[in-house]
């Protein structure tokens, strides 16, 4: 198949990581893949040496010049199907493809409702042939918010991770003292990730477990607030952005993911894949990833006291952490492999193309 992966993001996170894995994986399987992107975006820089790139995205909604550029590039690459990855992509590549009769599959990465405006009805109702969501939670949110999207058009394909790369990650050397118990947070420093609750729980955890340390990986607009909430708290390590996240996760005893809502919770699956126990919020897709008391512990969102209690329990029980880590590794290998995600996208593309051919 000739596949366009369209990703107009300026940033780097789970969504962009999935676009990278899909582009590389589909190309590795013999499909002709081209990336439509923003010039000099992190995804452009990551894939430019491996995948043909068209750095043509940008501008406002339905920007005529961008849509025209997309139409010309679709012709140039003789595209058969488009995989749109951000909310902007259906408004640029998606419109151009739809006008040319090229089917569009749109990935809704995060558990948020579709807006109900004429523009969004056009973008999400007319452009995509299928909507891909990565959890049943997100599927429910989409269908509740958009009665004009037909249920049979919304397909659940859980995200996948590169298990081989994660399995081979050696624990990072973080200079911890002997006997330390390391909790970790990985993600953007923003309110919805539960950083306020994590900061509120940490002082109680550190008091109960003097050997506990907290490693914070990531970046974000709320850095000043996050640092302020933890100012003076013991054993906090600010690691910032890391390009060796699997190794850092392998060094953790427990990953803490207290998000208010998620798209998928990719860091949760990555932690499970390296054998790290998980504490997650009972929100969005996280209960679909973590079976309570099997791969980890689930706590109510926005509840720092419950979060602290769970951290203290796991921090004080090495045997429980080990059992949950082993169960998490097995679950990730069974349900969340990259190859399984690629299989399901290929099958979906083939179904869409067959349906299109049948209507001719």
Protein backbone atom coordinates (compact mmCIF):
# COMPACT_ATOMS: atom_id res chain seq x y z
CA UNK A 1 0.00 0.00 0.00
CA UNK A 2 1.03 3.61 -0.58
CA UNK A 3 0.42 5.24 2.80
CA UNK A 4 0.67 8.89 3.83
CA UNK A 5 1.28 9.37 7.56
CA UNK A 6 0.20 12.94 8.28
CA UNK A 7 1.29 14.55 11.56
CA UNK A 8 1.15 18.33 11.89
CA UNK A 9 2.44 18.45 15.46
CA UNK A 10 5.12 20.89 16.61
CA UNK A 11 5.81 18.87 19.78
CA UNK A 12 7.04 15.48 20.93
CA UNK A 13 5.03 13.08 23.08
CA UNK A 14 3.03 9.89 22.93
CA UNK A 15 1.07 10.90 19.83
CA UNK A 16 4.21 11.73 17.89
CA UNK A 17 5.90 8.58 19.12
CA UNK A 18 3.00 6.51 17.73
CA UNK A 19 3.23 8.29 14.38
CA UNK A 20 6.95 7.49 14.29
CA UNK A 21 6.41 3.81 15.14
CA UNK A 22 3.63 3.45 12.56
CA UNK A 23 5.64 5.14 9.80
CA UNK A 24 8.74 3.07 10.49
CA UNK A 25 6.84 -0.15 11.05
CA UNK A 26 4.69 0.09 7.92
CA UNK A 27 7.78 0.94 5.88
CA UNK A 28 9.63 -2.03 7.33
CA UNK A 29 6.75 -4.25 6.23
CA UNK A 30 7.19 -3.17 2.63
CA UNK A 31 4.58 -0.43 2.26
CA UNK A 32 5.49 2.83 0.53
CA UNK A 33 5.26 5.37 3.35
CA UNK A 34 5.64 9.14 3.16
CA UNK A 35 5.41 11.57 6.06
CA UNK A 36 3.51 14.87 5.76
CA UNK A 37 4.70 17.11 8.60
CA UNK A 38 5.80 20.56 9.74
CA UNK A 39 9.26 21.61 8.69
CA UNK A 40 11.86 21.05 11.43
CA UNK A 41 9.32 19.53 13.84
CA UNK A 42 10.73 16.84 16.16
CA UNK A 43 9.06 14.15 14.04
CA UNK A 44 10.54 15.61 10.85
CA UNK A 45 14.02 15.61 12.37
CA UNK A 46 13.56 12.07 13.70
CA UNK A 47 12.40 10.48 10.43
CA UNK A 48 13.95 12.64 7.71
CA UNK A 49 16.84 10.24 7.10
CA UNK A 50 14.62 7.14 6.99
CA UNK A 51 11.24 8.03 5.48
CA UNK A 52 10.41 10.33 2.53
CA UNK A 53 9.12 13.56 4.07
CA UNK A 54 6.92 16.38 2.80
CA UNK A 55 7.36 19.25 5.31
CA UNK A 56 4.31 21.13 3.99
CA UNK A 57 1.90 21.34 6.94
CA UNK A 58 1.04 24.53 8.81
CA UNK A 59 -1.33 27.48 8.84
CA UNK A 60 -4.90 27.88 9.98
CA UNK A 61 -7.88 25.58 9.53
CA UNK A 62 -8.48 24.63 5.89
CA UNK A 63 -5.61 26.92 4.87
CA UNK A 64 -5.88 27.03 1.03
CA UNK A 65 -2.15 26.98 0.39
CA UNK A 66 -1.61 24.04 2.74
CA UNK A 67 -4.53 22.07 1.29
CA UNK A 68 -3.19 22.77 -2.23
CA UNK A 69 0.30 21.60 -1.24
CA UNK A 70 -1.16 18.45 0.27
CA UNK A 71 -3.19 17.75 -2.88
CA UNK A 72 -0.10 18.07 -5.07
CA UNK A 73 1.97 15.86 -2.78
CA UNK A 74 -0.78 13.21 -2.68
CA UNK A 75 -0.68 13.11 -6.47
CA UNK A 76 3.10 13.03 -6.54
CA UNK A 77 3.25 10.02 -4.23
CA UNK A 78 0.17 8.34 -5.77
CA UNK A 79 -1.25 7.92 -2.25
CA UNK A 80 -3.84 5.20 -1.64
CA UNK A 81 -4.70 5.95 1.98
CA UNK A 82 -3.98 8.67 4.58
CA UNK A 83 -3.38 8.12 8.30
CA UNK A 84 -4.10 11.45 10.05
CA UNK A 85 -2.62 11.77 13.55
CA UNK A 86 -3.46 15.19 15.00
CA UNK A 87 -6.61 17.31 15.17
CA UNK A 88 -5.16 19.55 12.46
CA UNK A 89 -4.41 16.82 9.93
CA UNK A 90 -8.00 16.22 8.77
CA UNK A 91 -8.24 19.97 8.05
CA UNK A 92 -5.21 19.92 5.76
CA UNK A 93 -4.20 16.52 4.35
CA UNK A 94 -7.62 15.07 5.13
CA UNK A 95 -9.59 17.62 3.12
CA UNK A 96 -7.21 17.33 0.16
CA UNK A 97 -7.46 13.53 0.26
CA UNK A 98 -11.24 13.49 0.62
CA UNK A 99 -11.65 15.78 -2.39
CA UNK A 100 -9.49 13.38 -4.39
CA UNK A 101 -11.38 10.28 -3.26
CA UNK A 102 -8.48 8.99 -1.15
CA UNK A 103 -9.74 7.44 2.11
CA UNK A 104 -8.63 8.92 5.40
CA UNK A 105 -8.18 7.11 8.71
CA UNK A 106 -8.07 9.51 11.65
CA UNK A 107 -6.40 8.57 14.94
CA UNK A 108 -7.98 10.21 18.01
CA UNK A 109 -5.14 9.79 20.48
CA UNK A 110 -6.58 11.41 23.60
CA UNK A 111 -9.72 10.82 25.67
CA UNK A 112 -11.44 14.09 24.81
CA UNK A 113 -14.83 14.78 23.19
CA UNK A 114 -15.17 15.94 19.62
CA UNK A 115 -16.29 19.59 19.49
CA UNK A 116 -19.78 20.05 18.08
CA UNK A 117 -19.41 22.93 15.63
CA UNK A 118 -20.08 23.02 11.86
CA UNK A 119 -16.33 22.97 11.19
CA UNK A 120 -15.78 19.97 13.41
CA UNK A 121 -18.76 18.14 11.95
CA UNK A 122 -17.10 18.65 8.56
CA UNK A 123 -13.65 17.63 9.80
CA UNK A 124 -14.66 14.58 11.82
CA UNK A 125 -17.90 13.63 10.11
CA UNK A 126 -17.13 14.02 6.41
CA UNK A 127 -13.36 13.55 6.10
CA UNK A 128 -12.54 10.23 7.85
CA UNK A 129 -13.60 6.86 6.51
CA UNK A 130 -12.68 5.42 9.92
CA UNK A 131 -11.77 6.77 13.33
CA UNK A 132 -9.11 4.86 15.28
CA UNK A 133 -9.06 5.20 19.06
CA UNK A 134 -6.64 3.45 21.38
CA UNK A 135 -9.05 2.50 24.18
CA UNK A 136 -12.67 1.68 24.87
CA UNK A 137 -12.77 4.73 27.14
CA UNK A 138 -11.90 7.05 24.27
CA UNK A 139 -14.35 5.29 21.96
CA UNK A 140 -17.11 5.97 24.47
CA UNK A 141 -16.13 9.62 24.77
CA UNK A 142 -16.12 10.07 20.98
CA UNK A 143 -19.53 8.46 20.48
CA UNK A 144 -21.14 10.36 23.36
CA UNK A 145 -19.85 13.67 22.04
CA UNK A 146 -20.57 13.12 18.34
CA UNK A 147 -23.88 11.44 17.54
CA UNK A 148 -23.13 12.18 13.88
CA UNK A 149 -20.24 9.67 13.90
CA UNK A 150 -21.48 6.14 13.26
CA UNK A 151 -20.38 3.56 15.88
CA UNK A 152 -19.19 1.10 13.23
CA UNK A 153 -16.72 3.73 11.99
CA UNK A 154 -14.91 3.97 15.36
CA UNK A 155 -12.33 1.19 15.76
CA UNK A 156 -10.28 0.43 18.87
CA UNK A 157 -6.60 -0.35 18.24
CA UNK A 158 -4.50 -0.17 21.42
CA UNK A 159 -1.11 1.46 21.06
CA UNK A 160 1.92 -0.79 20.81
CA UNK A 161 5.49 -0.49 22.03
CA UNK A 162 8.81 -1.75 20.73
CA UNK A 163 9.20 -4.65 23.14
CA UNK A 164 12.66 -5.63 21.91
CA UNK A 165 14.05 -2.14 22.56
CA UNK A 166 12.42 -2.00 25.98
CA UNK A 167 13.58 -5.49 27.00
CA UNK A 168 17.17 -4.64 26.09
CA UNK A 169 17.25 -1.39 28.12
CA UNK A 170 19.83 -1.56 30.89
CA UNK A 171 18.88 0.34 34.08
CA UNK A 172 20.22 3.89 34.06
CA UNK A 173 22.83 4.79 36.63
CA UNK A 174 21.19 7.50 38.75
CA UNK A 175 23.58 7.58 41.68
CA UNK A 176 21.10 6.28 44.23
CA UNK A 177 22.28 5.07 47.64
CA UNK A 178 22.18 1.36 48.47
CA UNK A 179 18.73 0.21 49.50
CA UNK A 180 16.93 3.13 47.86
CA UNK A 181 13.39 2.60 46.55
CA UNK A 182 12.85 4.67 43.42
CA UNK A 183 9.45 5.99 42.41
CA UNK A 184 9.26 7.69 39.03
CA UNK A 185 7.06 10.06 37.06
CA UNK A 186 7.46 10.35 33.29
CA UNK A 187 5.42 12.83 31.27
CA UNK A 188 4.55 16.41 30.53
CA UNK A 189 4.39 18.71 33.51
CA UNK A 190 0.77 19.77 33.21
CA UNK A 191 -2.28 19.66 35.48
CA UNK A 192 -4.02 16.73 33.80
CA UNK A 193 -1.02 14.47 34.44
CA UNK A 194 -1.71 14.61 38.18
CA UNK A 195 1.46 16.46 39.12
CA UNK A 196 -0.31 18.42 41.87
CA UNK A 197 -1.51 15.20 43.49
CA UNK A 198 1.92 13.59 43.15
CA UNK A 199 3.54 16.57 44.87
CA UNK A 200 0.88 16.47 47.59
CA UNK A 201 1.47 12.75 48.21
CA UNK A 202 5.25 12.82 48.17
CA UNK A 203 5.95 14.44 51.56
CA UNK A 204 3.83 11.79 53.29
CA UNK A 205 5.58 9.02 51.34
CA UNK A 206 9.04 10.38 52.14
CA UNK A 207 8.17 10.60 55.82
CA UNK A 208 6.90 7.00 55.91
CA UNK A 209 9.70 5.61 53.72
CA UNK A 210 13.00 7.45 54.41
CA UNK A 211 14.77 5.38 51.73
CA UNK A 212 12.28 6.41 49.04
CA UNK A 213 13.40 8.65 46.18
CA UNK A 214 11.31 10.33 43.47
CA UNK A 215 12.69 10.77 39.94
CA UNK A 216 10.79 13.23 37.74
CA UNK A 217 11.33 12.94 33.98
CA UNK A 218 9.82 15.28 31.40
CA UNK A 219 9.15 18.92 30.74
CA UNK A 220 6.20 21.27 30.51
CA UNK A 221 4.63 24.66 30.93
CA UNK A 222 3.96 24.09 34.66
CA UNK A 223 7.58 23.50 35.63
CA UNK A 224 7.68 26.48 38.00
CA UNK A 225 4.53 25.39 39.81
CA UNK A 226 5.65 21.75 39.98
CA UNK A 227 9.03 22.67 41.44
CA UNK A 228 7.35 25.03 43.88
CA UNK A 229 5.02 22.34 45.21
CA UNK A 230 8.01 20.06 45.89
CA UNK A 231 10.41 22.72 47.14
CA UNK A 232 12.21 21.45 50.21
CA UNK A 233 10.81 17.92 49.92
CA UNK A 234 13.44 15.22 50.47
CA UNK A 235 14.96 12.90 47.88
CA UNK A 236 13.49 14.50 44.75
CA UNK A 237 15.52 14.18 41.55
CA UNK A 238 14.64 16.43 38.61
CA UNK A 239 15.91 14.58 35.54
CA UNK A 240 14.29 16.78 32.88
CA UNK A 241 14.01 15.55 29.31
CA UNK A 242 15.78 12.22 28.73
CA UNK A 243 16.44 10.32 25.54
CA UNK A 244 16.98 7.09 27.53
CA UNK A 245 13.53 6.82 29.11
CA UNK A 246 13.40 2.98 28.88
CA UNK A 247 16.65 2.78 30.87
CA UNK A 248 15.36 5.26 33.44
CA UNK A 249 12.13 3.25 33.76
CA UNK A 250 14.15 0.06 34.18
CA UNK A 251 15.89 1.72 37.14
CA UNK A 252 12.57 2.53 38.82
CA UNK A 253 10.89 0.32 41.37
CA UNK A 254 7.46 1.90 40.75
CA UNK A 255 6.13 4.15 37.99
CA UNK A 256 3.48 6.60 39.21
CA UNK A 257 0.88 7.76 36.66
CA UNK A 258 -1.81 9.77 38.52
CA UNK A 259 -3.38 11.32 35.39
CA UNK A 260 -6.84 12.88 35.48
CA UNK A 261 -7.40 11.56 31.96
CA UNK A 262 -5.25 10.09 29.23
CA UNK A 263 -5.24 9.17 25.61
CA UNK A 264 -3.65 5.81 26.22
CA UNK A 265 -1.06 6.00 28.98
CA UNK A 266 1.91 4.93 26.88
CA UNK A 267 4.38 5.34 29.74
CA UNK A 268 2.34 2.84 31.75
CA UNK A 269 2.78 0.14 29.09
CA UNK A 270 6.46 1.02 28.63
CA UNK A 271 7.03 0.63 32.37
CA UNK A 272 5.20 -2.70 32.36
CA UNK A 273 7.33 -3.87 29.44
CA UNK A 274 10.56 -3.30 31.40
CA UNK A 275 9.12 -5.07 34.45
CA UNK A 276 8.34 -2.06 36.63
CA UNK A 277 5.28 -2.08 38.88
CA UNK A 278 2.73 0.67 38.25
CA UNK A 279 0.48 2.92 40.30
CA UNK A 280 -2.11 4.53 38.05
CA UNK A 281 -5.25 6.59 38.35
CA UNK A 282 -8.56 4.86 37.74
CA UNK A 283 -9.23 7.18 34.78
CA UNK A 284 -9.62 6.95 31.01
CA UNK A 285 -7.77 3.99 29.55
CA UNK A 286 -5.49 3.21 32.50
CA UNK A 287 -7.83 0.54 33.98
CA UNK A 288 -7.76 -1.15 30.56
CA UNK A 289 -3.97 -1.38 30.80
CA UNK A 290 -3.52 -2.29 34.46
CA UNK A 291 -5.54 -5.01 36.18
CA UNK A 292 -6.05 -4.01 39.79
CA UNK A 293 -3.60 -5.78 42.11
CA UNK A 294 -2.10 -7.75 39.19
CA UNK A 295 0.21 -5.45 37.18
CA UNK A 296 -0.18 -2.58 39.62
CA UNK A 297 -2.44 -0.58 41.89
CA UNK A 298 -5.21 1.79 40.78
CA UNK A 299 -6.25 4.82 42.83
CA UNK A 300 -9.01 7.40 42.38
CA UNK A 301 -7.90 10.40 40.29
CA UNK A 302 -7.27 13.69 42.10
CA UNK A 303 -6.80 11.91 45.45
CA UNK A 304 -3.32 12.57 46.91
CA UNK A 305 -4.10 10.65 50.12
CA UNK A 306 -5.00 7.47 48.22
CA UNK A 307 -1.96 7.95 45.99
CA UNK A 308 0.33 8.25 49.02
CA UNK A 309 -1.19 5.14 50.59
CA UNK A 310 -0.55 3.08 47.46
CA UNK A 311 3.01 4.39 47.14
CA UNK A 312 3.75 3.53 50.76
CA UNK A 313 2.34 0.03 50.31
CA UNK A 314 4.39 -0.77 47.20
CA UNK A 315 7.46 1.03 48.48
CA UNK A 316 7.49 -1.20 51.54
CA UNK A 317 6.90 -4.54 49.81
CA UNK A 318 9.65 -5.63 47.42
CA UNK A 319 7.99 -8.99 46.78
CA UNK A 320 4.74 -7.35 45.69
CA UNK A 321 6.65 -5.00 43.36
CA UNK A 322 8.49 -7.94 41.82
CA UNK A 323 5.29 -9.93 41.24
CA UNK A 324 3.52 -6.95 39.69
CA UNK A 325 6.53 -6.17 37.51
CA UNK A 326 6.63 -9.72 36.16
CA UNK A 327 2.88 -9.68 35.49
CA UNK A 328 3.20 -6.32 33.73
CA UNK A 329 5.95 -7.60 31.46
CA UNK A 330 3.84 -10.60 30.46
CA UNK A 331 0.79 -8.41 29.83
CA UNK A 332 2.73 -5.96 27.66
CA UNK A 333 4.14 -8.80 25.56
CA UNK A 334 0.70 -10.36 25.16
CA UNK A 335 -1.43 -7.31 24.41
CA UNK A 336 0.67 -4.27 23.53
CA UNK A 337 3.35 -5.25 21.05
CA UNK A 338 4.23 -3.00 18.13
CA UNK A 339 3.67 -5.89 15.73
CA UNK A 340 0.12 -6.41 16.95
CA UNK A 341 -0.63 -2.70 16.48
CA UNK A 342 0.81 -2.81 12.95
CA UNK A 343 -1.20 -5.94 12.12
CA UNK A 344 -4.43 -4.25 13.12
CA UNK A 345 -3.68 -1.05 11.20
CA UNK A 346 -2.84 -3.05 8.08
CA UNK A 347 -6.09 -5.00 8.38
CA UNK A 348 -8.05 -1.77 8.84
CA UNK A 349 -6.42 -0.14 5.79
CA UNK A 350 -7.20 -3.21 3.68
CA UNK A 351 -10.83 -3.16 4.84
CA UNK A 352 -11.17 0.55 4.04
CA UNK A 353 -9.66 0.08 0.57
CA UNK A 354 -11.90 -2.91 -0.13
CA UNK A 355 -14.96 -0.90 0.92
CA UNK A 356 -13.90 1.97 -1.34
CA UNK A 357 -13.36 -0.40 -4.28
CA UNK A 358 -16.79 -1.95 -3.70
CA UNK A 359 -18.49 1.43 -3.99
CA UNK A 360 -16.96 2.16 -7.40
